[in-house]
PDB file of N, CA and C in Angstrom:
ATOM      1  N   ARG A   1       0.845  -1.176   0.000  1.00  0.00           N
ATOM      2  CA  ARG A   1       0.000   0.000   0.000  1.00  0.00           C
ATOM      3  C   ARG A   1       0.892   1.242   0.000  1.00  0.00           C
ATOM      4  N   ALA A   2       0.625   2.126  -0.899  1.00  0.00           N
ATOM      5  CA  ALA A   2       1.418   3.355  -1.014  1.00  0.00           C
ATOM      6  C   ALA A   2       0.984   4.377   0.029  1.00  0.00           C
ATOM      7  N   ARG A   3       1.916   5.209   0.431  1.00  0.00           N
ATOM      8  CA  ARG A   3       1.584   6.323   1.319  1.00  0.00           C
ATOM      9  C   ARG A   3       2.235   7.578   0.754  1.00  0.00           C
ATOM     10  N   ASN A   4       1.643   8.718   1.044  1.00  0.00           N
ATOM     11  CA  ASN A   4       2.128   9.951   0.430  1.00  0.00           C
ATOM     12  C   ASN A   4       2.870  10.856   1.410  1.00  0.00           C
ATOM     13  N   THR A   5       3.262  10.340   2.547  1.00  0.00           N
ATOM     14  CA  THR A   5       4.018  11.138   3.510  1.00  0.00           C
ATOM     15  C   THR A   5       5.199  10.327   4.028  1.00  0.00           C
ATOM     16  N   CYS A   6       6.129  11.018   4.625  1.00  0.00           N
ATOM     17  CA  CYS A   6       7.223  10.320   5.294  1.00  0.00           C
ATOM     18  C   CYS A   6       7.340  10.885   6.700  1.00  0.00           C
ATOM     19  N   THR A   7       7.900  10.114   7.580  1.00  0.00           N
ATOM     20  CA  THR A   7       8.085  10.576   8.955  1.00  0.00           C
ATOM     21  C   THR A   7       9.260  11.552   8.996  1.00  0.00           C
ATOM     22  N   GLY A   8       9.377  12.267  10.107  1.00  0.00           N
ATOM     23  CA  GLY A   8      10.514  13.161  10.281  1.00  0.00           C
ATOM     24  C   GLY A   8      11.831  12.415  10.213  1.00  0.00           C
ATOM     25  N   ASP A   9      11.891  11.241  10.847  1.00  0.00           N
ATOM     26  CA  ASP A   9      13.116  10.434  10.819  1.00  0.00           C
ATOM     27  C   ASP A   9      13.466  10.003   9.396  1.00  0.00           C
ATOM     28  N   GLU A  10      12.459   9.618   8.621  1.00  0.00           N
ATOM     29  CA  GLU A  10      12.709   9.227   7.233  1.00  0.00           C
ATOM     30  C   GLU A  10      13.245  10.412   6.424  1.00  0.00           C
ATOM     31  N   TYR A  11      12.682  11.579   6.662  1.00  0.00           N
ATOM     32  CA  TYR A  11      13.125  12.777   5.944  1.00  0.00           C
ATOM     33  C   TYR A  11      14.582  13.107   6.289  1.00  0.00           C
ATOM     34  N   ILE A  12      14.919  13.033   7.564  1.00  0.00           N
ATOM     35  CA  ILE A  12      16.297  13.306   7.997  1.00  0.00           C
ATOM     36  C   ILE A  12      17.260  12.298   7.367  1.00  0.00           C
ATOM     37  N   ARG A  13      16.872  11.015   7.344  1.00  0.00           N
ATOM     38  CA  ARG A  13      17.719   9.987   6.722  1.00  0.00           C
ATOM     39  C   ARG A  13      17.880  10.230   5.219  1.00  0.00           C
ATOM     40  N   MET A  14      16.810  10.691   4.570  1.00  0.00           N
ATOM     41  CA  MET A  14      16.879  10.975   3.138  1.00  0.00           C
ATOM     42  C   MET A  14      17.882  12.103   2.862  1.00  0.00           C
ATOM     43  N   ILE A  15      17.873  13.140   3.704  1.00  0.00           N
ATOM     44  CA  ILE A  15      18.841  14.236   3.552  1.00  0.00           C
ATOM     45  C   ILE A  15      20.260  13.702   3.762  1.00  0.00           C
ATOM     46  N   ALA A  16      20.456  12.895   4.803  1.00  0.00           N
ATOM     47  CA  ALA A  16      21.787  12.345   5.095  1.00  0.00           C
ATOM     48  C   ALA A  16      22.285  11.466   3.945  1.00  0.00           C
ATOM     49  N   MET A  17      21.426  10.614   3.423  1.00  0.00           N
ATOM     50  CA  MET A  17      21.817   9.747   2.308  1.00  0.00           C
ATOM     51  C   MET A  17      22.096  10.569   1.052  1.00  0.00           C
ATOM     52  N   SER A  18      21.340  11.635   0.852  1.00  0.00           N
ATOM     53  CA  SER A  18      21.587  12.513  -0.297  1.00  0.00           C
ATOM     54  C   SER A  18      22.977  13.121  -0.216  1.00  0.00           C
ATOM     55  N   ARG A  19      23.361  13.547   0.970  1.00  0.00           N
ATOM     56  CA  ARG A  19      24.691  14.144   1.148  1.00  0.00           C
ATOM     57  C   ARG A  19      25.781  13.113   0.855  1.00  0.00           C
ATOM     58  N   ILE A  20      25.568  11.872   1.278  1.00  0.00           N
ATOM     59  CA  ILE A  20      26.571  10.820   1.072  1.00  0.00           C
ATOM     60  C   ILE A  20      26.605  10.353  -0.384  1.00  0.00           C
ATOM     61  N   MET A  21      25.437  10.113  -0.967  1.00  0.00           N
ATOM     62  CA  MET A  21      25.354   9.494  -2.286  1.00  0.00           C
ATOM     63  C   MET A  21      25.460  10.483  -3.446  1.00  0.00           C
ATOM     64  N   LEU A  22      25.308  11.765  -3.174  1.00  0.00           N
ATOM     65  CA  LEU A  22      25.338  12.765  -4.244  1.00  0.00           C
ATOM     66  C   LEU A  22      26.432  13.806  -3.975  1.00  0.00           C
ATOM     67  N   PRO A  23      27.693  13.388  -3.957  1.00  0.00           N
ATOM     68  CA  PRO A  23      28.766  14.314  -3.592  1.00  0.00           C
ATOM     69  C   PRO A  23      28.931  15.476  -4.573  1.00  0.00           C
ATOM     70  N   ASN A  24      28.425  15.315  -5.795  1.00  0.00           N
ATOM     71  CA  ASN A  24      28.531  16.396  -6.773  1.00  0.00           C
ATOM     72  C   ASN A  24      27.444  17.457  -6.596  1.00  0.00           C
ATOM     73  N   ILE A  25      26.483  17.217  -5.724  1.00  0.00           N
ATOM     74  CA  ILE A  25      25.445  18.204  -5.415  1.00  0.00           C
ATOM     75  C   ILE A  25      25.937  19.014  -4.220  1.00  0.00           C
ATOM     76  N   VAL A  26      26.237  20.282  -4.456  1.00  0.00           N
ATOM     77  CA  VAL A  26      26.841  21.117  -3.417  1.00  0.00           C
ATOM     78  C   VAL A  26      25.818  21.551  -2.375  1.00  0.00           C
ATOM     79  N   ASN A  27      24.641  21.962  -2.827  1.00  0.00           N
ATOM     80  CA  ASN A  27      23.656  22.544  -1.917  1.00  0.00           C
ATOM     81  C   ASN A  27      22.424  21.657  -1.801  1.00  0.00           C
ATOM     82  N   ILE A  28      22.111  21.278  -0.581  1.00  0.00           N
ATOM     83  CA  ILE A  28      20.928  20.463  -0.295  1.00  0.00           C
ATOM     84  C   ILE A  28      20.046  21.251   0.658  1.00  0.00           C
ATOM     85  N   GLN A  29      18.834  21.519   0.205  1.00  0.00           N
ATOM     86  CA  GLN A  29      17.905  22.327   1.000  1.00  0.00           C
ATOM     87  C   GLN A  29      16.914  21.443   1.743  1.00  0.00           C
ATOM     88  N   SER A  30      16.697  21.766   3.002  1.00  0.00           N
ATOM     89  CA  SER A  30      15.619  21.102   3.734  1.00  0.00           C
ATOM     90  C   SER A  30      14.376  21.968   3.596  1.00  0.00           C
ATOM     91  N   SER A  31      13.243  21.367   3.642  1.00  0.00           N
ATOM     92  CA  SER A  31      11.993  22.088   3.432  1.00  0.00           C
ATOM     93  C   SER A  31      11.251  22.265   4.745  1.00  0.00           C
ATOM     94  N   TRP A  32      11.567  23.330   5.486  1.00  0.00           N
ATOM     95  CA  TRP A  32      10.872  23.580   6.750  1.00  0.00           C
ATOM     96  C   TRP A  32       9.380  23.737   6.511  1.00  0.00           C
ATOM     97  N   LEU A  33       9.015  24.205   5.329  1.00  0.00           N
ATOM     98  CA  LEU A  33       7.610  24.451   5.028  1.00  0.00           C
ATOM     99  C   LEU A  33       6.788  23.167   5.080  1.00  0.00           C
ATOM    100  N   THR A  34       7.395  22.053   4.699  1.00  0.00           N
ATOM    101  CA  THR A  34       6.656  20.794   4.690  1.00  0.00           C
ATOM    102  C   THR A  34       6.937  19.910   5.893  1.00  0.00           C
ATOM    103  N   VAL A  35       8.122  20.056   6.523  1.00  0.00           N
ATOM    104  CA  VAL A  35       8.454  19.163   7.643  1.00  0.00           C
ATOM    105  C   VAL A  35       8.447  19.840   9.001  1.00  0.00           C
ATOM    106  N   GLY A  36       8.405  21.171   9.035  1.00  0.00           N
ATOM    107  CA  GLY A  36       8.375  21.880  10.308  1.00  0.00           C
ATOM    108  C   GLY A  36       9.751  22.245  10.822  1.00  0.00           C
ATOM    109  N   LYS A  37       9.747  23.057  11.853  1.00  0.00           N
ATOM    110  CA  LYS A  37      10.977  23.639  12.391  1.00  0.00           C
ATOM    111  C   LYS A  37      11.955  22.598  12.926  1.00  0.00           C
ATOM    112  N   GLN A  38      11.510  21.706  13.807  1.00  0.00           N
ATOM    113  CA  GLN A  38      12.434  20.782  14.468  1.00  0.00           C
ATOM    114  C   GLN A  38      13.089  19.809  13.497  1.00  0.00           C
ATOM    115  N   VAL A  39      12.317  19.263  12.582  1.00  0.00           N
ATOM    116  CA  VAL A  39      12.897  18.332  11.606  1.00  0.00           C
ATOM    117  C   VAL A  39      13.861  19.082  10.689  1.00  0.00           C
ATOM    118  N   ALA A  40      13.481  20.271  10.252  1.00  0.00           N
ATOM    119  CA  ALA A  40      14.367  21.058   9.388  1.00  0.00           C
ATOM    120  C   ALA A  40      15.670  21.398  10.107  1.00  0.00           C
ATOM    121  N   GLN A  41      15.585  21.726  11.399  1.00  0.00           N
ATOM    122  CA  GLN A  41      16.806  21.991  12.166  1.00  0.00           C
ATOM    123  C   GLN A  41      17.690  20.744  12.217  1.00  0.00           C
ATOM    124  N   ALA A  42      17.099  19.587  12.409  1.00  0.00           N
ATOM    125  CA  ALA A  42      17.875  18.341  12.470  1.00  0.00           C
ATOM    126  C   ALA A  42      18.555  18.044  11.138  1.00  0.00           C
ATOM    127  N   THR A  43      17.923  18.421  10.026  1.00  0.00           N
ATOM    128  CA  THR A  43      18.541  18.153   8.724  1.00  0.00           C
ATOM    129  C   THR A  43      19.821  18.955   8.521  1.00  0.00           C
ATOM    130  N   LEU A  44      19.941  20.088   9.200  1.00  0.00           N
ATOM    131  CA  LEU A  44      21.195  20.849   9.110  1.00  0.00           C
ATOM    132  C   LEU A  44      22.362  20.029   9.661  1.00  0.00           C
ATOM    133  N   HIS A  45      22.083  19.199  10.652  1.00  0.00           N
ATOM    134  CA  HIS A  45      23.113  18.319  11.221  1.00  0.00           C
ATOM    135  C   HIS A  45      23.269  17.040  10.402  1.00  0.00           C
ATOM    136  N   ALA A  46      22.305  16.756   9.530  1.00  0.00           N
ATOM    137  CA  ALA A  46      22.328  15.526   8.743  1.00  0.00           C
ATOM    138  C   ALA A  46      22.856  15.739   7.329  1.00  0.00           C
ATOM    139  N   GLY A  47      23.202  16.982   6.979  1.00  0.00           N
ATOM    140  CA  GLY A  47      23.803  17.195   5.671  1.00  0.00           C
ATOM    141  C   GLY A  47      23.236  18.318   4.832  1.00  0.00           C
ATOM    142  N   SER A  48      22.079  18.853   5.169  1.00  0.00           N
ATOM    143  CA  SER A  48      21.592  19.982   4.370  1.00  0.00           C
ATOM    144  C   SER A  48      22.372  21.231   4.758  1.00  0.00           C
ATOM    145  N   ASN A  49      22.557  22.107   3.794  1.00  0.00           N
ATOM    146  CA  ASN A  49      23.254  23.359   4.068  1.00  0.00           C
ATOM    147  C   ASN A  49      22.393  24.563   3.696  1.00  0.00           C
ATOM    148  N   ASP A  50      21.107  24.319   3.501  1.00  0.00           N
ATOM    149  CA  ASP A  50      20.179  25.384   3.133  1.00  0.00           C
ATOM    150  C   ASP A  50      18.869  25.138   3.866  1.00  0.00           C
ATOM    151  N   PHE A  51      18.481  26.081   4.703  1.00  0.00           N
ATOM    152  CA  PHE A  51      17.255  25.954   5.498  1.00  0.00           C
ATOM    153  C   PHE A  51      16.023  26.361   4.705  1.00  0.00           C
ATOM    154  N   GLY A  52      16.224  27.030   3.582  1.00  0.00           N
ATOM    155  CA  GLY A  52      15.094  27.511   2.803  1.00  0.00           C
ATOM    156  C   GLY A  52      14.833  28.976   3.082  1.00  0.00           C
ATOM    157  N   SER A  53      13.690  29.451   2.652  1.00  0.00           N
ATOM    158  CA  SER A  53      13.396  30.878   2.765  1.00  0.00           C
ATOM    159  C   SER A  53      11.937  31.089   3.137  1.00  0.00           C
ATOM    160  N   ILE A  54      11.583  32.361   3.338  1.00  0.00           N
ATOM    161  CA  ILE A  54      10.172  32.659   3.568  1.00  0.00           C
ATOM    162  C   ILE A  54       9.443  32.463   2.252  1.00  0.00           C
ATOM    163  N   MET A  55       8.217  32.064   2.343  1.00  0.00           N
ATOM    164  CA  MET A  55       7.418  31.832   1.151  1.00  0.00           C
ATOM    165  C   MET A  55       6.343  32.901   1.072  1.00  0.00           C
ATOM    166  N   ILE A  56       6.378  33.665   0.002  1.00  0.00           N
ATOM    167  CA  ILE A  56       5.346  34.673  -0.198  1.00  0.00           C
ATOM    168  C   ILE A  56       4.106  34.015  -0.787  1.00  0.00           C
ATOM    169  N   GLU A  57       4.287  33.174  -1.780  1.00  0.00           N
ATOM    170  CA  GLU A  57       3.174  32.487  -2.430  1.00  0.00           C
ATOM    171  C   GLU A  57       3.376  30.982  -2.307  1.00  0.00           C
ATOM    172  N   GLU A  58       2.969  30.424  -1.200  1.00  0.00           N
ATOM    173  CA  GLU A  58       3.142  28.988  -0.992  1.00  0.00           C
ATOM    174  C   GLU A  58       1.817  28.266  -1.187  1.00  0.00           C
ATOM    175  N   ASN A  59       1.010  28.736  -2.149  1.00  0.00           N
ATOM    176  CA  ASN A  59      -0.335  28.198  -2.360  1.00  0.00           C
ATOM    177  C   ASN A  59      -0.347  26.701  -2.628  1.00  0.00           C
ATOM    178  N   VAL A  60       0.583  26.215  -3.426  1.00  0.00           N
ATOM    179  CA  VAL A  60       0.596  24.791  -3.766  1.00  0.00           C
ATOM    180  C   VAL A  60       0.876  23.953  -2.530  1.00  0.00           C
ATOM    181  N   VAL A  61       1.883  24.340  -1.762  1.00  0.00           N
ATOM    182  CA  VAL A  61       2.245  23.570  -0.575  1.00  0.00           C
ATOM    183  C   VAL A  61       1.152  23.658   0.482  1.00  0.00           C
ATOM    184  N   SER A  62       0.591  24.851   0.694  1.00  0.00           N
ATOM    185  CA  SER A  62      -0.463  24.973   1.703  1.00  0.00           C
ATOM    186  C   SER A  62      -1.723  24.244   1.262  1.00  0.00           C
ATOM    187  N   ALA A  63      -1.996  24.192  -0.038  1.00  0.00           N
ATOM    188  CA  ALA A  63      -3.151  23.440  -0.524  1.00  0.00           C
ATOM    189  C   ALA A  63      -2.979  21.949  -0.256  1.00  0.00           C
ATOM    190  N   ALA A  64      -1.723  21.514  -0.158  1.00  0.00           N
ATOM    191  CA  ALA A  64      -1.437  20.111   0.136  1.00  0.00           C
ATOM    192  C   ALA A  64      -1.462  19.819   1.626  1.00  0.00           C
ATOM    193  N   GLY A  65      -1.684  20.857   2.442  1.00  0.00           N
ATOM    194  CA  GLY A  65      -1.843  20.622   3.871  1.00  0.00           C
ATOM    195  C   GLY A  65      -0.781  21.200   4.777  1.00  0.00           C
ATOM    196  N   ALA A  66       0.289  21.773   4.240  1.00  0.00           N
ATOM    197  CA  ALA A  66       1.335  22.360   5.088  1.00  0.00           C
ATOM    198  C   ALA A  66       0.842  23.675   5.671  1.00  0.00           C
ATOM    199  N   ARG A  67       1.071  23.866   6.982  1.00  0.00           N
ATOM    200  CA  ARG A  67       0.602  25.095   7.617  1.00  0.00           C
ATOM    201  C   ARG A  67       1.697  25.790   8.414  1.00  0.00           C
ATOM    202  N   PHE A  68       2.939  25.446   8.202  1.00  0.00           N
ATOM    203  CA  PHE A  68       4.036  26.079   8.921  1.00  0.00           C
ATOM    204  C   PHE A  68       4.330  27.439   8.307  1.00  0.00           C
ATOM    205  N   ARG A  69       4.658  28.417   9.158  1.00  0.00           N
ATOM    206  CA  ARG A  69       4.979  29.761   8.691  1.00  0.00           C
ATOM    207  C   ARG A  69       6.195  30.293   9.448  1.00  0.00           C
ATOM    208  N   PHE A  70       7.004  31.093   8.769  1.00  0.00           N
ATOM    209  CA  PHE A  70       8.158  31.748   9.374  1.00  0.00           C
ATOM    210  C   PHE A  70       8.296  33.154   8.810  1.00  0.00           C
ATOM    211  N   THR A  71       8.840  34.057   9.606  1.00  0.00           N
ATOM    212  CA  THR A  71       9.337  35.333   9.097  1.00  0.00           C
ATOM    213  C   THR A  71      10.821  35.149   8.829  1.00  0.00           C
ATOM    214  N   ALA A  72      11.443  36.135   8.192  1.00  0.00           N
ATOM    215  CA  ALA A  72      12.893  36.067   7.968  1.00  0.00           C
ATOM    216  C   ALA A  72      13.621  35.970   9.302  1.00  0.00           C
ATOM    217  N   ASP A  73      13.176  36.745  10.298  1.00  0.00           N
ATOM    218  CA  ASP A  73      13.796  36.675  11.624  1.00  0.00           C
ATOM    219  C   ASP A  73      13.609  35.303  12.258  1.00  0.00           C
ATOM    220  N   GLY A  74      12.431  34.700  12.070  1.00  0.00           N
ATOM    221  CA  GLY A  74      12.159  33.378  12.629  1.00  0.00           C
ATOM    222  C   GLY A  74      13.046  32.304  12.029  1.00  0.00           C
ATOM    223  N   ILE A  75      13.287  32.392  10.727  1.00  0.00           N
ATOM    224  CA  ILE A  75      14.177  31.435  10.070  1.00  0.00           C
ATOM    225  C   ILE A  75      15.595  31.581  10.612  1.00  0.00           C
ATOM    226  N   GLN A  76      16.049  32.819  10.737  1.00  0.00           N
ATOM    227  CA  GLN A  76      17.401  33.044  11.248  1.00  0.00           C
ATOM    228  C   GLN A  76      17.543  32.528  12.674  1.00  0.00           C
ATOM    229  N   GLU A  77      16.542  32.740  13.498  1.00  0.00           N
ATOM    230  CA  GLU A  77      16.585  32.259  14.886  1.00  0.00           C
ATOM    231  C   GLU A  77      16.595  30.730  14.935  1.00  0.00           C
ATOM    232  N   ALA A  78      15.796  30.087  14.084  1.00  0.00           N
ATOM    233  CA  ALA A  78      15.773  28.621  14.051  1.00  0.00           C
ATOM    234  C   ALA A  78      17.142  28.063  13.659  1.00  0.00           C
ATOM    235  N   ILE A  79      17.804  28.722  12.721  1.00  0.00           N
ATOM    236  CA  ILE A  79      19.144  28.289  12.306  1.00  0.00           C
ATOM    237  C   ILE A  79      20.127  28.448  13.459  1.00  0.00           C
ATOM    238  N   ARG A  80      20.039  29.570  14.162  1.00  0.00           N
ATOM    239  CA  ARG A  80      20.922  29.786  15.324  1.00  0.00           C
ATOM    240  C   ARG A  80      20.656  28.754  16.413  1.00  0.00           C
ATOM    241  N   GLU A  81      19.371  28.472  16.681  1.00  0.00           N
ATOM    242  CA  GLU A  81      19.010  27.473  17.694  1.00  0.00           C
ATOM    243  C   GLU A  81      19.618  26.116  17.367  1.00  0.00           C
ATOM    244  N   ALA A  82      19.759  25.822  16.071  1.00  0.00           N
ATOM    245  CA  ALA A  82      20.340  24.543  15.647  1.00  0.00           C
ATOM    246  C   ALA A  82      21.865  24.553  15.734  1.00  0.00           C
ATOM    247  N   GLY A  83      22.446  25.710  16.059  1.00  0.00           N
ATOM    248  CA  GLY A  83      23.893  25.787  16.224  1.00  0.00           C
ATOM    249  C   GLY A  83      24.653  26.275  15.006  1.00  0.00           C
ATOM    250  N   PHE A  84      23.958  26.903  14.075  1.00  0.00           N
ATOM    251  CA  PHE A  84      24.592  27.381  12.853  1.00  0.00           C
ATOM    252  C   PHE A  84      24.432  28.892  12.730  1.00  0.00           C
ATOM    253  N   VAL A  85      25.195  29.481  11.818  1.00  0.00           N
ATOM    254  CA  VAL A  85      25.130  30.921  11.570  1.00  0.00           C
ATOM    255  C   VAL A  85      24.343  31.148  10.279  1.00  0.00           C
ATOM    256  N   PRO A  86      23.220  31.862  10.351  1.00  0.00           N
ATOM    257  CA  PRO A  86      22.438  32.097   9.131  1.00  0.00           C
ATOM    258  C   PRO A  86      23.178  33.025   8.171  1.00  0.00           C
ATOM    259  N   GLN A  87      22.997  32.798   6.883  1.00  0.00           N
ATOM    260  CA  GLN A  87      23.618  33.640   5.863  1.00  0.00           C
ATOM    261  C   GLN A  87      22.631  33.809   4.715  1.00  0.00           C
ATOM    262  N   LEU A  88      22.338  35.046   4.355  1.00  0.00           N
ATOM    263  CA  LEU A  88      21.451  35.330   3.235  1.00  0.00           C
ATOM    264  C   LEU A  88      22.178  35.031   1.935  1.00  0.00           C
ATOM    265  N   ARG A  89      21.459  34.493   0.959  1.00  0.00           N
ATOM    266  CA  ARG A  89      22.047  34.161  -0.335  1.00  0.00           C
ATOM    267  C   ARG A  89      21.066  34.528  -1.441  1.00  0.00           C
ATOM    268  N   ASN A  90      21.575  34.545  -2.670  1.00  0.00           N
ATOM    269  CA  ASN A  90      20.683  34.710  -3.818  1.00  0.00           C
ATOM    270  C   ASN A  90      20.446  33.344  -4.459  1.00  0.00           C
ATOM    271  N   GLN A  91      19.789  33.320  -5.631  1.00  0.00           N
ATOM    272  CA  GLN A  91      19.449  32.039  -6.269  1.00  0.00           C
ATOM    273  C   GLN A  91      20.672  31.270  -6.763  1.00  0.00           C
ATOM    274  N   GLN A  92      21.794  31.955  -6.928  1.00  0.00           N
ATOM    275  CA  GLN A  92      23.025  31.290  -7.363  1.00  0.00           C
ATOM    276  C   GLN A  92      23.914  30.913  -6.172  1.00  0.00           C
ATOM    277  N   TYR A  93      23.372  30.991  -4.982  1.00  0.00           N
ATOM    278  CA  TYR A  93      24.089  30.673  -3.744  1.00  0.00           C
ATOM    279  C   TYR A  93      25.284  31.603  -3.518  1.00  0.00           C
ATOM    280  N   GLU A  94      25.145  32.849  -3.928  1.00  0.00           N
ATOM    281  CA  GLU A  94      26.138  33.871  -3.622  1.00  0.00           C
ATOM    282  C   GLU A  94      25.649  34.608  -2.379  1.00  0.00           C
ATOM    283  N   TYR A  95      26.531  34.759  -1.398  1.00  0.00           N
ATOM    284  CA  TYR A  95      26.145  35.442  -0.162  1.00  0.00           C
ATOM    285  C   TYR A  95      25.842  36.906  -0.427  1.00  0.00           C
ATOM    286  N   ARG A  96      24.905  37.451   0.335  1.00  0.00           N
ATOM    287  CA  ARG A  96      24.564  38.868   0.230  1.00  0.00           C
ATOM    288  C   ARG A  96      24.139  39.390   1.586  1.00  0.00           C
ATOM    289  N   GLU A  97      24.125  40.691   1.707  1.00  0.00           N
ATOM    290  CA  GLU A  97      23.715  41.337   2.949  1.00  0.00           C
ATOM    291  C   GLU A  97      22.198  41.484   2.982  1.00  0.00           C
ATOM    292  N   LEU A  98      21.638  41.467   4.173  1.00  0.00           N
ATOM    293  CA  LEU A  98      20.210  41.678   4.342  1.00  0.00           C
ATOM    294  C   LEU A  98      19.899  43.154   4.119  1.00  0.00           C
ATOM    295  N   PRO A  99      18.991  43.479   3.184  1.00  0.00           N
ATOM    296  CA  PRO A  99      18.643  44.884   2.956  1.00  0.00           C
ATOM    297  C   PRO A  99      18.024  45.498   4.215  1.00  0.00           C
ATOM    298  N   GLU A 100      18.365  46.743   4.488  1.00  0.00           N
ATOM    299  CA  GLU A 100      17.841  47.403   5.683  1.00  0.00           C
ATOM    300  C   GLU A 100      16.336  47.618   5.615  1.00  0.00           C
ATOM    301  N   ASN A 101      15.786  47.731   4.422  1.00  0.00           N
ATOM    302  CA  ASN A 101      14.359  48.025   4.290  1.00  0.00           C
ATOM    303  C   ASN A 101      13.501  46.790   4.003  1.00  0.00           C
ATOM    304  N   ILE A 102      14.032  45.600   4.310  1.00  0.00           N
ATOM    305  CA  ILE A 102      13.257  44.390   4.049  1.00  0.00           C
ATOM    306  C   ILE A 102      12.004  44.357   4.927  1.00  0.00           C
ATOM    307  N   LEU A 103      10.903  43.986   4.334  1.00  0.00           N
ATOM    308  CA  LEU A 103       9.644  43.897   5.070  1.00  0.00           C
ATOM    309  C   LEU A 103       9.426  42.465   5.530  1.00  0.00           C
ATOM    310  N   GLN A 104       8.968  42.319   6.752  1.00  0.00           N
ATOM    311  CA  GLN A 104       8.654  40.992   7.270  1.00  0.00           C
ATOM    312  C   GLN A 104       7.321  40.518   6.698  1.00  0.00           C
ATOM    313  N   GLN A 105       7.231  39.246   6.462  1.00  0.00           N
ATOM    314  CA  GLN A 105       5.980  38.661   6.003  1.00  0.00           C
ATOM    315  C   GLN A 105       4.941  38.854   7.104  1.00  0.00           C
ATOM    316  N   GLN A 106       3.765  39.300   6.735  1.00  0.00           N
ATOM    317  CA  GLN A 106       2.695  39.481   7.706  1.00  0.00           C
ATOM    318  C   GLN A 106       2.059  38.126   8.001  1.00  0.00           C
ATOM    319  N   LEU A 107       1.846  37.859   9.261  1.00  0.00           N
ATOM    320  CA  LEU A 107       1.349  36.554   9.675  1.00  0.00           C
ATOM    321  C   LEU A 107       0.042  36.672  10.425  1.00  0.00           C
ATOM    322  N   ASP A 108      -0.794  35.684  10.244  1.00  0.00           N
ATOM    323  CA  ASP A 108      -1.966  35.514  11.089  1.00  0.00           C
ATOM    324  C   ASP A 108      -1.565  34.473  12.123  1.00  0.00           C
ATOM    325  N   LYS A 109      -1.100  34.939  13.283  1.00  0.00           N
ATOM    326  CA  LYS A 109      -0.536  34.029  14.282  1.00  0.00           C
ATOM    327  C   LYS A 109      -1.555  33.029  14.821  1.00  0.00           C
ATOM    328  N   SER A 110      -2.836  33.300  14.645  1.00  0.00           N
ATOM    329  CA  SER A 110      -3.838  32.350  15.138  1.00  0.00           C
ATOM    330  C   SER A 110      -3.844  31.065  14.319  1.00  0.00           C
ATOM    331  N   THR A 111      -3.319  31.114  13.084  1.00  0.00           N
ATOM    332  CA  THR A 111      -3.280  29.915  12.241  1.00  0.00           C
ATOM    333  C   THR A 111      -1.884  29.327  12.135  1.00  0.00           C
ATOM    334  N   MET A 112      -0.921  29.903  12.845  1.00  0.00           N
ATOM    335  CA  MET A 112       0.465  29.466  12.736  1.00  0.00           C
ATOM    336  C   MET A 112       0.735  28.275  13.648  1.00  0.00           C
ATOM    337  N   ILE A 113       1.416  27.287  13.103  1.00  0.00           N
ATOM    338  CA  ILE A 113       1.836  26.115  13.867  1.00  0.00           C
ATOM    339  C   ILE A 113       3.353  26.071  13.833  1.00  0.00           C
ATOM    340  N   VAL A 114       3.971  26.061  14.979  1.00  0.00           N
ATOM    341  CA  VAL A 114       5.418  25.892  15.068  1.00  0.00           C
ATOM    342  C   VAL A 114       5.660  24.704  15.967  1.00  0.00           C
ATOM    343  N   ASP A 115       6.309  23.685  15.412  1.00  0.00           N
ATOM    344  CA  ASP A 115       6.537  22.477  16.221  1.00  0.00           C
ATOM    345  C   ASP A 115       7.844  22.526  16.936  1.00  0.00           C
TER     346      ASP A 115
END
C-alpha cells in the first residue's frame, strides 16, 4: 500500500543519504515548510546546508496541507538554535547582505503552527 508522507526520521535519513550518495550536489535544501521547524533543524546536522526561505506564495504547498509559517527573523533564529550561523544568499548561492528596508511577512498568528 502506497503512502504519500514520510516521517521526520525518514526525511532526515533521506537528507543524510543525499549528502553521502550525491557528492557532486553542493547545496541540499531542507523544506521547513513541509516538515516543520524541528525536523528542518535536524537536517542541518544531517547534511543539508540550506534551510530555505520565507514563502510569499506557498499556495501549492499549503493546498497540500502544510501550515508552517516563518518570518525572515524566525528562520534566522531557528538556524541559530540549531547551532549554525544564518547567511542570506541569492538564487546562485552567492552570499549577500540583508537589505535594511526588508519587510517581514505578515502573519496571522492564530493559524500558525510551530513544532
